[in-house]
Amino acid sequence: MERLIEILEELNPDVDYNTVENLIDGRYLDSLKILSLIAEIEDEFDVEIPTVEIIPANFNSAKSMWDLIERLKDDE
């Protein structure tokens, strides 16, 4: 999860990703940053995020993103 936090901090260093749980709803991440984030996650963690998984619930916190990554890895 440490690498995920690093990726997030590159996109927006002004957020405490360990505690914020409304990254989408609080507009910390806009649509362009989300697209960039998805590409970074796919490259870094060797997963493919299906379109149906690109929902606020999966991207509102670093923990929810990490859970998504772990679930996608397990599905391979």
PDB file of N, CA and C in Angstrom:
ATOM      1  N   MET A   1       0.827  -1.200   0.000  1.00  0.00           N
ATOM      2  CA  MET A   1       0.000   0.000   0.000  1.00  0.00           C
ATOM      3  C   MET A   1       0.868   1.259   0.000  1.00  0.00           C
ATOM      4  N   GLU A   2       2.091   1.101   0.464  1.00  0.00           N
ATOM      5  CA  GLU A   2       3.001   2.246   0.508  1.00  0.00           C
ATOM      6  C   GLU A   2       3.219   2.851  -0.878  1.00  0.00           C
ATOM      7  N   ARG A   3       3.380   1.989  -1.876  1.00  0.00           N
ATOM      8  CA  ARG A   3       3.579   2.484  -3.248  1.00  0.00           C
ATOM      9  C   ARG A   3       2.327   3.195  -3.753  1.00  0.00           C
ATOM     10  N   LEU A   4       1.158   2.699  -3.392  1.00  0.00           N
ATOM     11  CA  LEU A   4      -0.089   3.356  -3.783  1.00  0.00           C
ATOM     12  C   LEU A   4      -0.150   4.762  -3.199  1.00  0.00           C
ATOM     13  N   ILE A   5       0.225   4.904  -1.945  1.00  0.00           N
ATOM     14  CA  ILE A   5       0.239   6.228  -1.300  1.00  0.00           C
ATOM     15  C   ILE A   5       1.202   7.152  -2.041  1.00  0.00           C
ATOM     16  N   GLU A   6       2.360   6.633  -2.441  1.00  0.00           N
ATOM     17  CA  GLU A   6       3.329   7.440  -3.190  1.00  0.00           C
ATOM     18  C   GLU A   6       2.732   7.923  -4.514  1.00  0.00           C
ATOM     19  N   ILE A   7       2.029   7.038  -5.209  1.00  0.00           N
ATOM     20  CA  ILE A   7       1.396   7.411  -6.474  1.00  0.00           C
ATOM     21  C   ILE A   7       0.369   8.506  -6.238  1.00  0.00           C
ATOM     22  N   LEU A   8      -0.445   8.345  -5.200  1.00  0.00           N
ATOM     23  CA  LEU A   8      -1.462   9.346  -4.881  1.00  0.00           C
ATOM     24  C   LEU A   8      -0.827  10.691  -4.528  1.00  0.00           C
ATOM     25  N   GLU A   9       0.254  10.651  -3.774  1.00  0.00           N
ATOM     26  CA  GLU A   9       0.931  11.890  -3.382  1.00  0.00           C
ATOM     27  C   GLU A   9       1.523  12.614  -4.576  1.00  0.00           C
ATOM     28  N   GLU A  10       1.919  11.875  -5.605  1.00  0.00           N
ATOM     29  CA  GLU A  10       2.413  12.513  -6.828  1.00  0.00           C
ATOM     30  C   GLU A  10       1.295  13.290  -7.519  1.00  0.00           C
ATOM     31  N   LEU A  11       0.063  12.776  -7.433  1.00  0.00           N
ATOM     32  CA  LEU A  11      -1.073  13.443  -8.059  1.00  0.00           C
ATOM     33  C   LEU A  11      -1.546  14.654  -7.265  1.00  0.00           C
ATOM     34  N   ASN A  12      -1.558  14.530  -5.945  1.00  0.00           N
ATOM     35  CA  ASN A  12      -2.039  15.612  -5.084  1.00  0.00           C
ATOM     36  C   ASN A  12      -1.361  15.473  -3.717  1.00  0.00           C
ATOM     37  N   PRO A  13      -0.240  16.177  -3.520  1.00  0.00           N
ATOM     38  CA  PRO A  13       0.532  16.017  -2.285  1.00  0.00           C
ATOM     39  C   PRO A  13      -0.105  16.660  -1.051  1.00  0.00           C
ATOM     40  N   ASP A  14      -1.168  17.395  -1.205  1.00  0.00           N
ATOM     41  CA  ASP A  14      -1.763  18.120  -0.085  1.00  0.00           C
ATOM     42  C   ASP A  14      -2.812  17.326   0.681  1.00  0.00           C
ATOM     43  N   VAL A  15      -2.902  16.033   0.452  1.00  0.00           N
ATOM     44  CA  VAL A  15      -3.944  15.211   1.065  1.00  0.00           C
ATOM     45  C   VAL A  15      -3.294  14.149   1.956  1.00  0.00           C
ATOM     46  N   ASP A  16      -3.885  13.899   3.127  1.00  0.00           N
ATOM     47  CA  ASP A  16      -3.440  12.806   3.987  1.00  0.00           C
ATOM     48  C   ASP A  16      -4.188  11.542   3.561  1.00  0.00           C
ATOM     49  N   TYR A  17      -3.568  10.766   2.718  1.00  0.00           N
ATOM     50  CA  TYR A  17      -4.229   9.606   2.127  1.00  0.00           C
ATOM     51  C   TYR A  17      -4.457   8.479   3.129  1.00  0.00           C
ATOM     52  N   ASN A  18      -3.821   8.552   4.281  1.00  0.00           N
ATOM     53  CA  ASN A  18      -4.042   7.536   5.307  1.00  0.00           C
ATOM     54  C   ASN A  18      -5.363   7.741   6.035  1.00  0.00           C
ATOM     55  N   THR A  19      -5.906   8.957   5.996  1.00  0.00           N
ATOM     56  CA  THR A  19      -7.126   9.226   6.754  1.00  0.00           C
ATOM     57  C   THR A  19      -8.309   9.694   5.904  1.00  0.00           C
ATOM     58  N   VAL A  20      -8.074  10.335   4.784  1.00  0.00           N
ATOM     59  CA  VAL A  20      -9.174  10.875   3.973  1.00  0.00           C
ATOM     60  C   VAL A  20      -9.943   9.729   3.323  1.00  0.00           C
ATOM     61  N   GLU A  21     -11.263   9.766   3.463  1.00  0.00           N
ATOM     62  CA  GLU A  21     -12.112   8.708   2.924  1.00  0.00           C
ATOM     63  C   GLU A  21     -13.147   9.250   1.931  1.00  0.00           C
ATOM     64  N   ASN A  22     -12.910  10.456   1.428  1.00  0.00           N
ATOM     65  CA  ASN A  22     -13.840  11.040   0.448  1.00  0.00           C
ATOM     66  C   ASN A  22     -13.068  11.693  -0.699  1.00  0.00           C
ATOM     67  N   LEU A  23     -12.108  10.966  -1.251  1.00  0.00           N
ATOM     68  CA  LEU A  23     -11.260  11.518  -2.308  1.00  0.00           C
ATOM     69  C   LEU A  23     -12.051  11.938  -3.532  1.00  0.00           C
ATOM     70  N   ILE A  24     -13.079  11.175  -3.869  1.00  0.00           N
ATOM     71  CA  ILE A  24     -13.924  11.522  -5.013  1.00  0.00           C
ATOM     72  C   ILE A  24     -14.989  12.519  -4.576  1.00  0.00           C
ATOM     73  N   ASP A  25     -15.739  12.132  -3.556  1.00  0.00           N
ATOM     74  CA  ASP A  25     -16.849  12.968  -3.084  1.00  0.00           C
ATOM     75  C   ASP A  25     -16.374  14.335  -2.599  1.00  0.00           C
ATOM     76  N   GLY A  26     -15.170  14.392  -2.028  1.00  0.00           N
ATOM     77  CA  GLY A  26     -14.615  15.658  -1.549  1.00  0.00           C
ATOM     78  C   GLY A  26     -13.858  16.420  -2.622  1.00  0.00           C
ATOM     79  N   ARG A  27     -13.846  15.864  -3.817  1.00  0.00           N
ATOM     80  CA  ARG A  27     -13.204  16.468  -4.991  1.00  0.00           C
ATOM     81  C   ARG A  27     -11.690  16.689  -4.828  1.00  0.00           C
ATOM     82  N   TYR A  28     -11.054  15.774  -4.097  1.00  0.00           N
ATOM     83  CA  TYR A  28      -9.589  15.805  -4.028  1.00  0.00           C
ATOM     84  C   TYR A  28      -8.997  15.271  -5.327  1.00  0.00           C
ATOM     85  N   LEU A  29      -9.739  14.365  -5.977  1.00  0.00           N
ATOM     86  CA  LEU A  29      -9.319  13.798  -7.252  1.00  0.00           C
ATOM     87  C   LEU A  29     -10.373  14.120  -8.302  1.00  0.00           C
ATOM     88  N   ASP A  30      -9.948  14.796  -9.367  1.00  0.00           N
ATOM     89  CA  ASP A  30     -10.891  15.073 -10.456  1.00  0.00           C
ATOM     90  C   ASP A  30     -10.785  13.967 -11.505  1.00  0.00           C
ATOM     91  N   SER A  31     -11.594  14.054 -12.534  1.00  0.00           N
ATOM     92  CA  SER A  31     -11.659  12.981 -13.526  1.00  0.00           C
ATOM     93  C   SER A  31     -10.323  12.741 -14.234  1.00  0.00           C
ATOM     94  N   LEU A  32      -9.584  13.790 -14.520  1.00  0.00           N
ATOM     95  CA  LEU A  32      -8.283  13.608 -15.184  1.00  0.00           C
ATOM     96  C   LEU A  32      -7.292  12.909 -14.268  1.00  0.00           C
ATOM     97  N   LYS A  33      -7.294  13.278 -12.996  1.00  0.00           N
ATOM     98  CA  LYS A  33      -6.396  12.618 -12.039  1.00  0.00           C
ATOM     99  C   LYS A  33      -6.789  11.162 -11.851  1.00  0.00           C
ATOM    100  N   ILE A  34      -8.075  10.887 -11.880  1.00  0.00           N
ATOM    101  CA  ILE A  34      -8.529   9.506 -11.727  1.00  0.00           C
ATOM    102  C   ILE A  34      -8.063   8.663 -12.910  1.00  0.00           C
ATOM    103  N   LEU A  35      -8.177   9.190 -14.114  1.00  0.00           N
ATOM    104  CA  LEU A  35      -7.704   8.461 -15.291  1.00  0.00           C
ATOM    105  C   LEU A  35      -6.204   8.193 -15.207  1.00  0.00           C
ATOM    106  N   SER A  36      -5.458   9.189 -14.784  1.00  0.00           N
ATOM    107  CA  SER A  36      -4.019   9.029 -14.610  1.00  0.00           C
ATOM    108  C   SER A  36      -3.721   7.994 -13.520  1.00  0.00           C
ATOM    109  N   LEU A  37      -4.467   8.071 -12.446  1.00  0.00           N
ATOM    110  CA  LEU A  37      -4.299   7.137 -11.335  1.00  0.00           C
ATOM    111  C   LEU A  37      -4.572   5.703 -11.779  1.00  0.00           C
ATOM    112  N   ILE A  38      -5.625   5.498 -12.539  1.00  0.00           N
ATOM    113  CA  ILE A  38      -5.961   4.159 -13.013  1.00  0.00           C
ATOM    114  C   ILE A  38      -4.818   3.602 -13.863  1.00  0.00           C
ATOM    115  N   ALA A  39      -4.290   4.418 -14.750  1.00  0.00           N
ATOM    116  CA  ALA A  39      -3.164   3.972 -15.587  1.00  0.00           C
ATOM    117  C   ALA A  39      -1.954   3.613 -14.728  1.00  0.00           C
ATOM    118  N   GLU A  40      -1.661   4.434 -13.746  1.00  0.00           N
ATOM    119  CA  GLU A  40      -0.526   4.171 -12.842  1.00  0.00           C
ATOM    120  C   GLU A  40      -0.730   2.882 -12.060  1.00  0.00           C
ATOM    121  N   ILE A  41      -1.928   2.689 -11.526  1.00  0.00           N
ATOM    122  CA  ILE A  41      -2.220   1.475 -10.753  1.00  0.00           C
ATOM    123  C   ILE A  41      -2.081   0.245 -11.640  1.00  0.00           C
ATOM    124  N   GLU A  42      -2.631   0.303 -12.843  1.00  0.00           N
ATOM    125  CA  GLU A  42      -2.551  -0.845 -13.746  1.00  0.00           C
ATOM    126  C   GLU A  42      -1.104  -1.181 -14.070  1.00  0.00           C
ATOM    127  N   ASP A  43      -0.287  -0.172 -14.325  1.00  0.00           N
ATOM    128  CA  ASP A  43       1.124  -0.408 -14.647  1.00  0.00           C
ATOM    129  C   ASP A  43       1.902  -0.912 -13.428  1.00  0.00           C
ATOM    130  N   GLU A  44       1.719  -0.247 -12.320  1.00  0.00           N
ATOM    131  CA  GLU A  44       2.513  -0.557 -11.122  1.00  0.00           C
ATOM    132  C   GLU A  44       2.168  -1.908 -10.512  1.00  0.00           C
ATOM    133  N   PHE A  45       0.893  -2.259 -10.495  1.00  0.00           N
ATOM    134  CA  PHE A  45       0.460  -3.466  -9.800  1.00  0.00           C
ATOM    135  C   PHE A  45       0.058  -4.601 -10.744  1.00  0.00           C
ATOM    136  N   ASP A  46       0.257  -4.391 -12.044  1.00  0.00           N
ATOM    137  CA  ASP A  46      -0.004  -5.413 -13.052  1.00  0.00           C
ATOM    138  C   ASP A  46      -1.419  -5.973 -12.945  1.00  0.00           C
ATOM    139  N   VAL A  47      -2.375  -5.056 -12.892  1.00  0.00           N
ATOM    140  CA  VAL A  47      -3.795  -5.424 -12.872  1.00  0.00           C
ATOM    141  C   VAL A  47      -4.503  -4.629 -13.965  1.00  0.00           C
ATOM    142  N   GLU A  48      -5.691  -5.094 -14.328  1.00  0.00           N
ATOM    143  CA  GLU A  48      -6.530  -4.346 -15.251  1.00  0.00           C
ATOM    144  C   GLU A  48      -7.816  -4.006 -14.522  1.00  0.00           C
ATOM    145  N   ILE A  49      -8.117  -2.712 -14.457  1.00  0.00           N
ATOM    146  CA  ILE A  49      -9.312  -2.265 -13.759  1.00  0.00           C
ATOM    147  C   ILE A  49     -10.458  -2.187 -14.773  1.00  0.00           C
ATOM    148  N   PRO A  50     -11.436  -3.093 -14.631  1.00  0.00           N
ATOM    149  CA  PRO A  50     -12.568  -3.061 -15.556  1.00  0.00           C
ATOM    150  C   PRO A  50     -13.397  -1.793 -15.364  1.00  0.00           C
ATOM    151  N   THR A  51     -14.039  -1.355 -16.410  1.00  0.00           N
ATOM    152  CA  THR A  51     -14.856  -0.147 -16.365  1.00  0.00           C
ATOM    153  C   THR A  51     -15.898  -0.208 -15.251  1.00  0.00           C
ATOM    154  N   VAL A  52     -16.489  -1.374 -15.025  1.00  0.00           N
ATOM    155  CA  VAL A  52     -17.527  -1.502 -13.992  1.00  0.00           C
ATOM    156  C   VAL A  52     -16.981  -1.262 -12.583  1.00  0.00           C
ATOM    157  N   GLU A  53     -15.659  -1.337 -12.410  1.00  0.00           N
ATOM    158  CA  GLU A  53     -15.039  -1.111 -11.102  1.00  0.00           C
ATOM    159  C   GLU A  53     -14.676   0.358 -10.884  1.00  0.00           C
ATOM    160  N   ILE A  54     -14.817   1.187 -11.910  1.00  0.00           N
ATOM    161  CA  ILE A  54     -14.463   2.605 -11.780  1.00  0.00           C
ATOM    162  C   ILE A  54     -15.681   3.352 -11.238  1.00  0.00           C
ATOM    163  N   ILE A  55     -15.853   3.197  -9.929  1.00  0.00           N
ATOM    164  CA  ILE A  55     -16.956   3.826  -9.206  1.00  0.00           C
ATOM    165  C   ILE A  55     -16.390   4.520  -7.973  1.00  0.00           C
ATOM    166  N   PRO A  56     -17.055   5.553  -7.481  1.00  0.00           N
ATOM    167  CA  PRO A  56     -16.536   6.287  -6.316  1.00  0.00           C
ATOM    168  C   PRO A  56     -16.197   5.396  -5.122  1.00  0.00           C
ATOM    169  N   ALA A  57     -16.995   4.388  -4.870  1.00  0.00           N
ATOM    170  CA  ALA A  57     -16.746   3.517  -3.717  1.00  0.00           C
ATOM    171  C   ALA A  57     -15.361   2.871  -3.765  1.00  0.00           C
ATOM    172  N   ASN A  58     -14.845   2.623  -4.965  1.00  0.00           N
ATOM    173  CA  ASN A  58     -13.527   1.992  -5.100  1.00  0.00           C
ATOM    174  C   ASN A  58     -12.378   2.991  -5.089  1.00  0.00           C
ATOM    175  N   PHE A  59     -12.682   4.287  -5.140  1.00  0.00           N
ATOM    176  CA  PHE A  59     -11.624   5.293  -5.245  1.00  0.00           C
ATOM    177  C   PHE A  59     -11.748   6.408  -4.207  1.00  0.00           C
ATOM    178  N   ASN A  60     -12.630   6.278  -3.232  1.00  0.00           N
ATOM    179  CA  ASN A  60     -12.821   7.336  -2.237  1.00  0.00           C
ATOM    180  C   ASN A  60     -11.735   7.356  -1.169  1.00  0.00           C
ATOM    181  N   SER A  61     -10.969   6.271  -1.046  1.00  0.00           N
ATOM    182  CA  SER A  61      -9.890   6.246  -0.064  1.00  0.00           C
ATOM    183  C   SER A  61      -8.765   5.356  -0.574  1.00  0.00           C
ATOM    184  N   ALA A  62      -7.584   5.550  -0.018  1.00  0.00           N
ATOM    185  CA  ALA A  62      -6.453   4.693  -0.383  1.00  0.00           C
ATOM    186  C   ALA A  62      -6.768   3.251  -0.011  1.00  0.00           C
ATOM    187  N   LYS A  63      -7.420   3.053   1.116  1.00  0.00           N
ATOM    188  CA  LYS A  63      -7.782   1.691   1.551  1.00  0.00           C
ATOM    189  C   LYS A  63      -8.716   1.033   0.549  1.00  0.00           C
ATOM    190  N   SER A  64      -9.727   1.754   0.077  1.00  0.00           N
ATOM    191  CA  SER A  64     -10.654   1.147  -0.886  1.00  0.00           C
ATOM    192  C   SER A  64      -9.934   0.836  -2.203  1.00  0.00           C
ATOM    193  N   MET A  65      -8.985   1.678  -2.598  1.00  0.00           N
ATOM    194  CA  MET A  65      -8.210   1.393  -3.808  1.00  0.00           C
ATOM    195  C   MET A  65      -7.343   0.158  -3.604  1.00  0.00           C
ATOM    196  N   TRP A  66      -6.735   0.060  -2.423  1.00  0.00           N
ATOM    197  CA  TRP A  66      -5.884  -1.089  -2.129  1.00  0.00           C
ATOM    198  C   TRP A  66      -6.712  -2.372  -2.114  1.00  0.00           C
ATOM    199  N   ASP A  67      -7.911  -2.289  -1.533  1.00  0.00           N
ATOM    200  CA  ASP A  67      -8.806  -3.459  -1.529  1.00  0.00           C
ATOM    201  C   ASP A  67      -9.153  -3.870  -2.959  1.00  0.00           C
ATOM    202  N   LEU A  68      -9.388  -2.899  -3.823  1.00  0.00           N
ATOM    203  CA  LEU A  68      -9.671  -3.180  -5.232  1.00  0.00           C
ATOM    204  C   LEU A  68      -8.476  -3.868  -5.896  1.00  0.00           C
ATOM    205  N   ILE A  69      -7.292  -3.339  -5.670  1.00  0.00           N
ATOM    206  CA  ILE A  69      -6.076  -3.927  -6.255  1.00  0.00           C
ATOM    207  C   ILE A  69      -5.922  -5.377  -5.791  1.00  0.00           C
ATOM    208  N   GLU A  70      -6.077  -5.615  -4.491  1.00  0.00           N
ATOM    209  CA  GLU A  70      -5.943  -6.954  -3.953  1.00  0.00           C
ATOM    210  C   GLU A  70      -6.990  -7.896  -4.547  1.00  0.00           C
ATOM    211  N   ARG A  71      -8.228  -7.420  -4.672  1.00  0.00           N
ATOM    212  CA  ARG A  71      -9.297  -8.240  -5.234  1.00  0.00           C
ATOM    213  C   ARG A  71      -9.002  -8.579  -6.690  1.00  0.00           C
ATOM    214  N   LEU A  72      -8.503  -7.603  -7.460  1.00  0.00           N
ATOM    215  CA  LEU A  72      -8.177  -7.856  -8.862  1.00  0.00           C
ATOM    216  C   LEU A  72      -7.020  -8.827  -9.005  1.00  0.00           C
ATOM    217  N   LYS A  73      -6.055  -8.739  -8.126  1.00  0.00           N
ATOM    218  CA  LYS A  73      -4.931  -9.683  -8.149  1.00  0.00           C
ATOM    219  C   LYS A  73      -5.405 -11.082  -7.853  1.00  0.00           C
ATOM    220  N   ASP A  74      -6.323 -11.214  -6.889  1.00  0.00           N
ATOM    221  CA  ASP A  74      -6.838 -12.531  -6.519  1.00  0.00           C
ATOM    222  C   ASP A  74      -7.657 -13.155  -7.636  1.00  0.00           C
ATOM    223  N   ASP A  75      -8.291 -12.313  -8.455  1.00  0.00           N
ATOM    224  CA  ASP A  75      -9.140 -12.816  -9.542  1.00  0.00           C
ATOM    225  C   ASP A  75      -8.345 -13.347 -10.731  1.00  0.00           C
ATOM    226  N   GLU A  76      -7.064 -13.034 -10.771  1.00  0.00           N
ATOM    227  CA  GLU A  76      -6.244 -13.467 -11.920  1.00  0.00           C
ATOM    228  C   GLU A  76      -5.986 -14.951 -11.900  1.00  0.00           C
TER     229      GLU A  76
END
